[in-house]
Structure formats: structure tokens, C-alpha cells
């Protein structure tokens, strides 16, 4: 009986996501002009508990990487033209994806396996696809400690990959 109920709940959740707003963001290595080698896509989908993030990426350095939505829809100048983390409330605090007193653009870390592939789904509970459109999606060189200490913005380091979140698609 419990298994039947669990299966029904899972099916309803999947069907809800089938009707949700979704967008696929192409990701490239950062360069002076903004478009280096193509690394794959990240699909953003509205869900019941926030924005579902589904990476389909390759050729990245293994390990954890800082992952954020940045203010400007521009990946040029090695990602610097993307500006800072999306922070419409002007909190000026990097507190991670689960703390409502910090940057809205703070996302859970991106996990890359030993083969350079990132395909682990995660959830940004404070975001919707509408919040993300018109900004950029950034991958940093190092992990993220969800704090401004000992280094600002989680200590993610250089901006190694970026994509502009610009076209809305319906699913």
C-alpha cells in the first residue's frame, strides 16, 4: 500500500514538472569575448519547491564548483561582464541558496565527477525561472562555502564557464 501511494505521489510530481516553465541554458568556457568551448546545457524548470536545476555538462574540472546566477546577461571578459551575484534585495551578503537574507542568485554547488561530467540535479528553493531570465549562469573554479569569510562570495575563485539565460521555452 505504501509503495502504491509513494508511486502515485512521484507520478503527480513528475506530471507537475511536465507542465512547468522550463528553459535550457547553453554553457561555454569563459574567454575574453565570452564564448569559448561549448560545455553543454543547464535546464532550469519551475517546480513545487523552487527551481529545479538539471546540468548536462562535460569537460569541467572534477570536484565542487561555485554556481550562481549573476546580474548581467553577458559572459564576456572571462565572465566579469556578468557582474555580481543576483541580489535584487541589495543584501550585499553571500549566504548560500537556503538563506533568505543573502543573494537571491546563490545556488547549491555544482558537483562534477572524476570524468568531468556534471549531471546531478539540484534545487534552488528561493528561485523561479522568471527570476533567472535576463541574467547569466556562472560556474566558478572552486567550491562555495556559502559565506563571505574567509573569502568573499564563498571563495569560488575565477569564473570558468558561463551562459546567458535569455530565451524562455515552454514544455
Protein backbone atom coordinates (compact mmCIF):
# COMPACT_ATOMS: atom_id res chain seq x y z
CA UNK A 1 0.00 0.00 0.00
CA UNK A 2 2.76 2.46 0.98
CA UNK A 3 4.62 1.75 -2.27
CA UNK A 4 1.49 2.46 -4.31
CA UNK A 5 0.97 5.79 -2.52
CA UNK A 6 4.63 6.74 -2.97
CA UNK A 7 4.47 5.88 -6.68
CA UNK A 8 1.33 8.00 -7.11
CA UNK A 9 2.94 10.97 -5.37
CA UNK A 10 6.05 10.63 -7.54
CA UNK A 11 3.95 10.43 -10.72
CA UNK A 12 1.98 13.54 -9.73
CA UNK A 13 5.24 15.41 -9.08
CA UNK A 14 6.63 14.41 -12.47
CA UNK A 15 3.40 15.41 -14.22
CA UNK A 16 3.50 18.77 -12.45
CA UNK A 17 7.03 19.33 -13.78
CA UNK A 18 5.87 18.35 -17.29
CA UNK A 19 3.59 21.41 -17.29
CA UNK A 20 6.14 23.73 -15.63
CA UNK A 21 8.03 26.60 -17.25
CA UNK A 22 11.45 25.45 -18.41
CA UNK A 23 14.50 26.93 -20.12
CA UNK A 24 17.71 25.38 -21.42
CA UNK A 25 20.85 27.49 -20.99
CA UNK A 26 23.90 26.76 -23.20
CA UNK A 27 27.15 26.96 -21.19
CA UNK A 28 30.57 27.87 -22.60
CA UNK A 29 34.07 28.23 -21.20
CA UNK A 30 34.74 31.86 -20.38
CA UNK A 31 37.01 33.83 -22.71
CA UNK A 32 37.68 37.46 -23.46
CA UNK A 33 34.73 37.50 -25.89
CA UNK A 34 32.51 35.26 -23.74
CA UNK A 35 32.16 32.16 -25.91
CA UNK A 36 34.85 29.53 -25.58
CA UNK A 37 34.31 25.80 -25.97
CA UNK A 38 30.75 24.55 -25.63
CA UNK A 39 30.32 22.57 -22.39
CA UNK A 40 26.66 21.56 -22.60
CA UNK A 41 23.44 22.90 -21.11
CA UNK A 42 21.75 23.54 -17.80
CA UNK A 43 17.98 23.16 -17.78
CA UNK A 44 16.04 25.31 -15.32
CA UNK A 45 12.48 24.23 -14.50
CA UNK A 46 9.89 25.61 -12.10
CA UNK A 47 8.85 23.03 -9.54
CA UNK A 48 6.72 22.76 -6.46
CA UNK A 49 9.63 23.54 -4.13
CA UNK A 50 11.65 26.00 -6.20
CA UNK A 51 13.66 25.94 -9.39
CA UNK A 52 14.97 22.53 -10.45
CA UNK A 53 18.49 22.73 -11.91
CA UNK A 54 19.47 19.92 -14.30
CA UNK A 55 23.05 20.20 -15.57
CA UNK A 56 24.12 18.30 -18.69
CA UNK A 57 27.76 19.43 -18.76
CA UNK A 58 31.09 17.91 -19.76
CA UNK A 59 34.81 18.80 -19.83
CA UNK A 60 34.80 20.56 -16.44
CA UNK A 61 37.43 20.11 -13.70
CA UNK A 62 36.31 17.42 -11.21
CA UNK A 63 35.06 18.47 -7.78
CA UNK A 64 32.73 21.09 -6.32
CA UNK A 65 32.26 24.41 -8.07
CA UNK A 66 30.57 27.63 -7.01
CA UNK A 67 27.41 28.05 -9.06
CA UNK A 68 25.45 31.31 -9.20
CA UNK A 69 23.08 33.46 -11.16
CA UNK A 70 24.87 36.71 -11.92
CA UNK A 71 23.22 40.08 -12.52
CA UNK A 72 24.07 40.85 -16.16
CA UNK A 73 23.24 38.73 -19.24
CA UNK A 74 26.81 38.93 -20.52
CA UNK A 75 29.65 36.42 -20.24
CA UNK A 76 32.42 38.49 -21.91
CA UNK A 77 35.75 39.43 -20.34
CA UNK A 78 36.22 35.99 -18.75
CA UNK A 79 32.80 36.26 -17.13
CA UNK A 80 33.49 39.60 -15.43
CA UNK A 81 30.88 41.41 -17.54
CA UNK A 82 28.25 39.27 -15.80
CA UNK A 83 28.62 41.49 -12.75
CA UNK A 84 27.97 40.25 -9.22
CA UNK A 85 25.55 37.69 -7.88
CA UNK A 86 21.88 38.43 -8.49
CA UNK A 87 20.83 40.44 -5.42
CA UNK A 88 17.61 42.39 -6.09
CA UNK A 89 17.05 42.98 -2.35
CA UNK A 90 20.53 44.58 -2.08
CA UNK A 91 21.53 42.37 0.85
CA UNK A 92 25.22 42.50 -0.10
CA UNK A 93 25.61 39.12 1.64
CA UNK A 94 26.65 35.74 0.27
CA UNK A 95 24.83 33.26 2.49
CA UNK A 96 24.00 30.40 0.14
CA UNK A 97 20.84 29.15 -1.53
CA UNK A 98 18.87 28.35 1.63
CA UNK A 99 19.21 31.66 3.50
CA UNK A 100 16.67 34.34 2.56
CA UNK A 101 18.90 37.12 3.94
CA UNK A 102 21.51 36.80 1.21
CA UNK A 103 21.92 36.96 -2.58
CA UNK A 104 18.97 35.51 -4.48
CA UNK A 105 21.41 34.21 -7.11
CA UNK A 106 23.30 31.91 -4.73
CA UNK A 107 22.80 28.32 -5.94
CA UNK A 108 23.80 24.94 -4.49
CA UNK A 109 27.32 23.89 -5.52
CA UNK A 110 27.76 22.18 -8.87
CA UNK A 111 29.15 18.66 -8.48
CA UNK A 112 31.46 17.42 -11.26
CA UNK A 113 32.51 13.76 -11.31
CA UNK A 114 36.01 12.40 -11.97
CA UNK A 115 35.24 12.28 -15.72
CA UNK A 116 34.45 15.99 -15.91
CA UNK A 117 30.69 15.46 -16.14
CA UNK A 118 28.10 17.38 -14.14
CA UNK A 119 24.67 15.75 -14.26
CA UNK A 120 23.47 15.83 -10.65
CA UNK A 121 20.14 17.64 -10.30
CA UNK A 122 19.68 20.14 -7.51
CA UNK A 123 17.06 22.59 -6.29
CA UNK A 124 17.16 26.34 -5.72
CA UNK A 125 14.25 26.77 -3.31
CA UNK A 126 14.10 30.58 -3.46
CA UNK A 127 14.09 30.95 -7.25
CA UNK A 128 11.79 30.60 -10.24
CA UNK A 129 12.65 30.54 -13.93
CA UNK A 130 11.21 34.06 -14.24
CA UNK A 131 13.74 35.27 -11.65
CA UNK A 132 16.60 33.85 -13.73
CA UNK A 133 15.66 35.13 -17.20
CA UNK A 134 17.74 38.11 -18.28
CA UNK A 135 20.75 37.16 -16.18
CA UNK A 136 23.71 34.78 -16.53
CA UNK A 137 24.54 31.40 -15.03
CA UNK A 138 28.14 31.19 -13.77
CA UNK A 139 30.41 28.29 -12.79
CA UNK A 140 33.42 29.14 -10.64
CA UNK A 141 36.79 27.42 -10.40
CA UNK A 142 36.45 26.32 -6.76
CA UNK A 143 33.70 25.25 -4.37
CA UNK A 144 31.48 27.54 -2.33
CA UNK A 145 31.33 27.78 1.48
CA UNK A 146 28.11 29.87 1.43
CA UNK A 147 29.78 32.70 3.33
CA UNK A 148 31.75 35.88 2.77
CA UNK A 149 34.54 34.67 5.07
CA UNK A 150 37.36 33.85 4.81
CA UNK A 151 36.89 34.95 1.15
CA UNK A 152 34.08 36.97 -0.41
CA UNK A 153 31.26 35.26 -2.32
CA UNK A 154 32.06 31.80 -0.99
CA UNK A 155 35.65 31.68 -2.22
CA UNK A 156 34.69 30.29 -5.64
CA UNK A 157 37.56 31.98 -7.43
CA UNK A 158 37.78 32.52 -11.18
CA UNK A 159 34.75 32.37 -13.45
CA UNK A 160 35.41 29.36 -15.68
CA UNK A 161 32.10 28.84 -17.50
CA UNK A 162 29.04 30.93 -18.22
CA UNK A 163 25.74 31.01 -20.07
CA UNK A 164 23.22 33.76 -20.72
CA UNK A 165 19.68 32.97 -19.59
CA UNK A 166 17.74 34.63 -22.36
CA UNK A 167 15.12 32.58 -24.15
CA UNK A 168 12.01 31.30 -22.47
CA UNK A 169 10.76 27.92 -23.66
CA UNK A 170 7.56 26.12 -22.79
CA UNK A 171 7.42 22.44 -22.12
